[in-house]
N, C-alpha and C. Protein backbone atom coordinates (compact mmCIF):
# COMPACT_ATOMS: atom_id res chain seq x y z
N UNK A 1 -4.35 -9.11 2.19
CA UNK A 1 -3.71 -8.77 3.45
C UNK A 1 -4.14 -7.37 3.86
N UNK A 2 -4.20 -7.14 5.13
CA UNK A 2 -4.58 -5.83 5.65
C UNK A 2 -3.34 -4.97 5.85
N UNK A 3 -3.53 -3.65 5.77
CA UNK A 3 -2.44 -2.68 5.88
C UNK A 3 -1.62 -2.89 7.16
N UNK A 4 -2.28 -2.94 8.30
CA UNK A 4 -1.58 -3.06 9.57
C UNK A 4 -0.76 -4.33 9.69
N UNK A 5 -1.31 -5.42 9.21
CA UNK A 5 -0.57 -6.69 9.27
C UNK A 5 0.66 -6.64 8.37
N UNK A 6 0.52 -6.00 7.22
CA UNK A 6 1.67 -5.87 6.32
C UNK A 6 2.75 -4.98 6.93
N UNK A 7 2.34 -3.90 7.60
CA UNK A 7 3.31 -3.03 8.27
C UNK A 7 4.06 -3.83 9.33
N UNK A 8 3.34 -4.61 10.14
CA UNK A 8 3.98 -5.43 11.17
C UNK A 8 4.98 -6.40 10.55
N UNK A 9 4.56 -7.05 9.48
CA UNK A 9 5.43 -8.00 8.79
C UNK A 9 6.70 -7.33 8.27
N UNK A 10 6.54 -6.19 7.64
CA UNK A 10 7.69 -5.46 7.09
C UNK A 10 8.62 -4.96 8.20
N UNK A 11 8.03 -4.47 9.28
CA UNK A 11 8.84 -3.98 10.43
C UNK A 11 9.66 -5.13 10.99
N UNK A 12 9.04 -6.30 11.15
CA UNK A 12 9.75 -7.47 11.68
C UNK A 12 10.88 -7.89 10.74
N UNK A 13 10.62 -7.84 9.43
CA UNK A 13 11.65 -8.20 8.45
C UNK A 13 12.86 -7.27 8.55
N UNK A 14 12.61 -6.01 8.90
CA UNK A 14 13.70 -5.05 9.05
C UNK A 14 14.36 -5.14 10.42
N UNK A 15 13.80 -5.98 11.30
CA UNK A 15 14.37 -6.16 12.63
C UNK A 15 14.17 -4.97 13.55
N UNK A 16 13.09 -4.23 13.32
CA UNK A 16 12.81 -3.04 14.13
C UNK A 16 11.74 -3.33 15.18
N UNK A 17 11.87 -2.69 16.32
CA UNK A 17 10.78 -2.72 17.31
C UNK A 17 9.78 -1.64 16.93
N UNK A 18 8.62 -1.70 17.54
CA UNK A 18 7.64 -0.63 17.31
C UNK A 18 8.22 0.71 17.75
N UNK A 19 8.96 0.72 18.85
CA UNK A 19 9.55 1.96 19.35
C UNK A 19 10.56 2.53 18.36
N UNK A 20 11.39 1.67 17.79
CA UNK A 20 12.39 2.13 16.82
C UNK A 20 11.72 2.71 15.58
N UNK A 21 10.68 2.03 15.10
CA UNK A 21 9.97 2.55 13.93
C UNK A 21 9.28 3.87 14.26
N UNK A 22 8.66 3.94 15.43
CA UNK A 22 8.00 5.18 15.85
C UNK A 22 9.01 6.33 15.89
N UNK A 23 10.18 6.09 16.45
CA UNK A 23 11.22 7.13 16.52
C UNK A 23 11.63 7.59 15.13
N UNK A 24 11.81 6.66 14.22
CA UNK A 24 12.19 7.00 12.85
C UNK A 24 11.09 7.78 12.13
N UNK A 25 9.84 7.46 12.46
CA UNK A 25 8.70 8.08 11.79
C UNK A 25 8.28 9.39 12.46
N UNK A 26 8.75 9.64 13.67
CA UNK A 26 8.35 10.85 14.38
C UNK A 26 6.94 10.79 14.92
N UNK A 27 6.51 9.57 15.30
CA UNK A 27 5.18 9.38 15.88
C UNK A 27 5.34 8.59 17.18
N UNK A 28 4.25 8.45 17.90
CA UNK A 28 4.30 7.70 19.15
C UNK A 28 4.26 6.19 18.88
N UNK A 29 4.80 5.44 19.82
CA UNK A 29 4.75 3.98 19.70
C UNK A 29 3.30 3.50 19.74
N UNK A 30 2.45 4.22 20.44
CA UNK A 30 1.04 3.82 20.48
C UNK A 30 0.39 3.97 19.10
N UNK A 31 0.82 4.96 18.32
CA UNK A 31 0.28 5.11 16.96
C UNK A 31 0.70 3.92 16.10
N UNK A 32 1.96 3.53 16.17
CA UNK A 32 2.44 2.37 15.40
C UNK A 32 1.66 1.13 15.82
N UNK A 33 1.44 0.98 17.12
CA UNK A 33 0.67 -0.17 17.62
C UNK A 33 -0.75 -0.14 17.07
N UNK A 34 -1.38 1.03 17.06
CA UNK A 34 -2.73 1.14 16.52
C UNK A 34 -2.77 0.81 15.03
N UNK A 35 -1.76 1.25 14.29
CA UNK A 35 -1.69 0.94 12.86
C UNK A 35 -1.62 -0.58 12.68
N UNK A 36 -0.68 -1.21 13.37
CA UNK A 36 -0.45 -2.64 13.20
C UNK A 36 -1.65 -3.49 13.65
N UNK A 37 -2.38 -3.01 14.64
CA UNK A 37 -3.50 -3.77 15.19
C UNK A 37 -4.85 -3.33 14.64
N UNK A 38 -4.81 -2.50 13.58
CA UNK A 38 -6.05 -2.05 12.93
C UNK A 38 -7.00 -1.38 13.91
N UNK A 39 -6.45 -0.55 14.81
CA UNK A 39 -7.25 0.09 15.84
C UNK A 39 -7.35 1.61 15.65
N UNK A 40 -7.14 2.08 14.45
CA UNK A 40 -7.18 3.52 14.18
C UNK A 40 -8.62 4.02 14.12
N UNK A 41 -8.82 5.19 14.67
CA UNK A 41 -10.11 5.87 14.57
C UNK A 41 -10.11 6.66 13.27
N UNK A 42 -11.26 7.15 12.86
CA UNK A 42 -11.41 7.83 11.56
C UNK A 42 -10.35 8.89 11.30
N UNK A 43 -10.11 9.80 12.21
CA UNK A 43 -9.17 10.89 11.99
C UNK A 43 -7.71 10.50 12.09
N UNK A 44 -7.44 9.26 12.46
CA UNK A 44 -6.06 8.82 12.66
C UNK A 44 -5.47 8.07 11.47
N UNK A 45 -6.25 7.85 10.42
CA UNK A 45 -5.75 7.06 9.30
C UNK A 45 -4.48 7.70 8.73
N UNK A 46 -3.51 6.88 8.33
CA UNK A 46 -2.25 7.43 7.82
C UNK A 46 -2.43 8.19 6.52
N UNK A 47 -1.71 9.28 6.43
CA UNK A 47 -1.74 10.10 5.22
C UNK A 47 -0.84 9.47 4.15
N UNK A 48 -0.98 9.95 2.93
CA UNK A 48 -0.11 9.47 1.86
C UNK A 48 1.34 9.82 2.17
N UNK A 49 1.56 10.98 2.77
CA UNK A 49 2.92 11.40 3.15
C UNK A 49 3.51 10.42 4.18
N UNK A 50 2.71 10.04 5.17
CA UNK A 50 3.15 9.08 6.18
C UNK A 50 3.49 7.74 5.53
N UNK A 51 2.63 7.29 4.62
CA UNK A 51 2.85 6.00 3.96
C UNK A 51 4.10 6.05 3.10
N UNK A 52 4.36 7.17 2.45
CA UNK A 52 5.58 7.33 1.66
C UNK A 52 6.80 7.16 2.55
N UNK A 53 6.81 7.84 3.69
CA UNK A 53 7.94 7.74 4.62
C UNK A 53 8.05 6.33 5.19
N UNK A 54 6.92 5.72 5.50
CA UNK A 54 6.89 4.36 6.03
C UNK A 54 7.51 3.39 5.02
N UNK A 55 7.15 3.54 3.77
CA UNK A 55 7.71 2.68 2.72
C UNK A 55 9.22 2.84 2.64
N UNK A 56 9.70 4.06 2.77
CA UNK A 56 11.15 4.29 2.76
C UNK A 56 11.82 3.61 3.95
N UNK A 57 11.26 3.81 5.13
CA UNK A 57 11.85 3.25 6.36
C UNK A 57 11.85 1.72 6.35
N UNK A 58 10.82 1.13 5.77
CA UNK A 58 10.69 -0.33 5.78
C UNK A 58 11.17 -0.98 4.49
N UNK A 59 11.72 -0.15 3.58
CA UNK A 59 12.19 -0.63 2.28
C UNK A 59 11.09 -1.45 1.60
N UNK A 60 9.91 -0.85 1.55
CA UNK A 60 8.71 -1.53 1.04
C UNK A 60 8.21 -0.85 -0.23
N UNK A 61 7.32 -1.52 -0.91
CA UNK A 61 6.68 -0.99 -2.11
C UNK A 61 5.61 0.01 -1.69
N UNK A 62 5.83 1.27 -2.00
CA UNK A 62 4.90 2.32 -1.60
C UNK A 62 3.50 2.10 -2.18
N UNK A 63 3.42 1.71 -3.44
CA UNK A 63 2.12 1.49 -4.06
C UNK A 63 1.35 0.38 -3.34
N UNK A 64 2.05 -0.68 -2.95
CA UNK A 64 1.38 -1.76 -2.22
C UNK A 64 0.78 -1.23 -0.91
N UNK A 65 1.58 -0.45 -0.16
CA UNK A 65 1.08 0.09 1.11
C UNK A 65 -0.08 1.05 0.89
N UNK A 66 0.01 1.89 -0.12
CA UNK A 66 -1.08 2.82 -0.41
C UNK A 66 -2.36 2.06 -0.73
N UNK A 67 -2.26 1.05 -1.55
CA UNK A 67 -3.44 0.28 -1.93
C UNK A 67 -4.03 -0.46 -0.72
N UNK A 68 -3.17 -1.01 0.12
CA UNK A 68 -3.66 -1.70 1.32
C UNK A 68 -4.35 -0.72 2.28
N UNK A 69 -3.94 0.55 2.21
CA UNK A 69 -4.56 1.58 3.06
C UNK A 69 -5.76 2.22 2.36
N UNK A 70 -6.21 1.62 1.26
CA UNK A 70 -7.35 2.14 0.49
C UNK A 70 -7.09 3.52 -0.09
N UNK A 71 -5.84 3.76 -0.47
CA UNK A 71 -5.47 5.01 -1.14
C UNK A 71 -4.90 4.63 -2.50
N UNK A 72 -5.34 5.32 -3.52
CA UNK A 72 -4.88 5.01 -4.88
C UNK A 72 -3.63 5.84 -5.16
N UNK A 73 -2.52 5.18 -5.53
CA UNK A 73 -1.30 5.91 -5.86
C UNK A 73 -1.55 6.95 -6.96
N UNK A 74 -0.84 8.06 -6.90
CA UNK A 74 -1.06 9.19 -7.79
C UNK A 74 -0.99 8.79 -9.26
N UNK A 75 0.03 8.05 -9.66
CA UNK A 75 0.19 7.68 -11.07
C UNK A 75 -0.97 6.80 -11.55
N UNK A 76 -1.43 5.90 -10.69
CA UNK A 76 -2.56 5.05 -11.06
C UNK A 76 -3.84 5.89 -11.14
N UNK A 77 -4.02 6.79 -10.20
CA UNK A 77 -5.19 7.67 -10.19
C UNK A 77 -5.25 8.49 -11.49
N UNK A 78 -4.10 9.01 -11.92
CA UNK A 78 -4.06 9.80 -13.16
C UNK A 78 -4.49 8.96 -14.36
N UNK A 79 -3.97 7.71 -14.43
CA UNK A 79 -4.32 6.86 -15.56
C UNK A 79 -5.80 6.47 -15.53
N UNK A 80 -6.33 6.23 -14.34
CA UNK A 80 -7.77 5.92 -14.22
C UNK A 80 -8.59 7.09 -14.71
N UNK A 81 -8.18 8.30 -14.35
CA UNK A 81 -8.92 9.48 -14.78
C UNK A 81 -8.83 9.68 -16.29
N UNK A 82 -7.70 9.33 -16.87
CA UNK A 82 -7.53 9.46 -18.31
C UNK A 82 -8.30 8.40 -19.09
N UNK A 83 -8.40 7.17 -18.55
CA UNK A 83 -9.01 6.06 -19.26
C UNK A 83 -9.92 5.24 -18.35
N UNK A 84 -10.97 5.84 -17.79
CA UNK A 84 -11.82 5.10 -16.85
C UNK A 84 -12.46 3.86 -17.48
N UNK A 85 -12.78 3.93 -18.77
CA UNK A 85 -13.43 2.78 -19.42
C UNK A 85 -12.50 1.58 -19.45
N UNK A 86 -11.20 1.80 -19.63
CA UNK A 86 -10.24 0.70 -19.65
C UNK A 86 -10.16 0.03 -18.28
N UNK A 87 -10.15 0.83 -17.23
CA UNK A 87 -10.06 0.27 -15.89
C UNK A 87 -11.35 -0.44 -15.48
N UNK A 88 -12.49 0.08 -15.93
CA UNK A 88 -13.76 -0.60 -15.67
C UNK A 88 -13.77 -1.97 -16.35
N UNK A 89 -13.32 -2.01 -17.60
CA UNK A 89 -13.29 -3.27 -18.34
C UNK A 89 -12.34 -4.27 -17.67
N UNK A 90 -11.19 -3.80 -17.24
CA UNK A 90 -10.22 -4.67 -16.57
C UNK A 90 -10.81 -5.20 -15.26
N UNK A 91 -11.47 -4.33 -14.50
CA UNK A 91 -12.06 -4.73 -13.22
C UNK A 91 -13.16 -5.77 -13.40
N UNK A 92 -13.81 -5.78 -14.55
CA UNK A 92 -14.91 -6.72 -14.81
C UNK A 92 -14.42 -8.12 -15.21
N UNK A 93 -13.13 -8.26 -15.50
CA UNK A 93 -12.60 -9.56 -15.92
C UNK A 93 -12.58 -10.54 -14.75
N UNK A 94 -12.76 -11.83 -15.06
CA UNK A 94 -12.56 -12.83 -14.02
C UNK A 94 -11.04 -13.04 -13.88
N UNK A 95 -10.62 -13.75 -12.86
CA UNK A 95 -9.19 -13.91 -12.57
C UNK A 95 -8.42 -14.56 -13.71
N UNK A 96 -9.03 -15.55 -14.34
CA UNK A 96 -8.35 -16.24 -15.43
C UNK A 96 -8.09 -15.29 -16.60
N UNK A 97 -9.08 -14.51 -16.98
CA UNK A 97 -8.92 -13.55 -18.08
C UNK A 97 -7.91 -12.46 -17.70
N UNK A 98 -7.96 -12.03 -16.45
CA UNK A 98 -7.02 -11.01 -15.99
C UNK A 98 -5.59 -11.54 -16.05
N UNK A 99 -5.37 -12.80 -15.65
CA UNK A 99 -4.04 -13.40 -15.70
C UNK A 99 -3.53 -13.48 -17.14
N UNK A 100 -4.41 -13.86 -18.07
CA UNK A 100 -4.01 -13.92 -19.48
C UNK A 100 -3.61 -12.53 -19.98
N UNK A 101 -4.38 -11.54 -19.60
CA UNK A 101 -4.09 -10.17 -20.03
C UNK A 101 -2.75 -9.69 -19.47
N UNK A 102 -2.50 -9.98 -18.20
CA UNK A 102 -1.24 -9.58 -17.59
C UNK A 102 -0.05 -10.26 -18.26
N UNK A 103 -0.19 -11.53 -18.62
CA UNK A 103 0.88 -12.23 -19.32
C UNK A 103 1.15 -11.56 -20.67
N UNK A 104 0.09 -11.21 -21.38
CA UNK A 104 0.23 -10.57 -22.68
C UNK A 104 0.93 -9.21 -22.54
N UNK A 105 0.56 -8.46 -21.51
CA UNK A 105 1.18 -7.15 -21.28
C UNK A 105 2.65 -7.31 -20.95
N UNK A 106 2.97 -8.29 -20.13
CA UNK A 106 4.36 -8.55 -19.74
C UNK A 106 5.20 -8.92 -20.95
N UNK A 107 4.65 -9.76 -21.83
CA UNK A 107 5.38 -10.13 -23.05
C UNK A 107 5.62 -8.92 -23.93
N UNK A 108 4.64 -8.04 -24.02
CA UNK A 108 4.73 -6.84 -24.86
C UNK A 108 5.80 -5.88 -24.35
N UNK A 109 5.96 -5.80 -23.02
CA UNK A 109 6.93 -4.87 -22.41
C UNK A 109 8.37 -5.29 -22.68
N UNK A 110 8.59 -6.57 -22.96
CA UNK A 110 9.97 -7.06 -23.17
C UNK A 110 10.48 -6.56 -24.45
């Protein structure tokens, strides 16, 4: 899913208009429209601070929004920097192997 489409979906789930969300975010309604319609120019991309506030306003998962906006959440970035080889190996797995690994990790966390 694309960032803008997810923002639109979350805004609708919260029952907010673009104007109401813009007012809460302190931005113009045209900016919210550009975000939702994937019409942002290079210098207009949302900052991590904006996405953090957006996640709060929409009661959404901040990490999901950051990743959809092609921004790596801080905690994930730190772990990648600490163990790049582990993340490279994980990224090289096919979906089936990745699913098995996730199940194993989930069982271990319990």
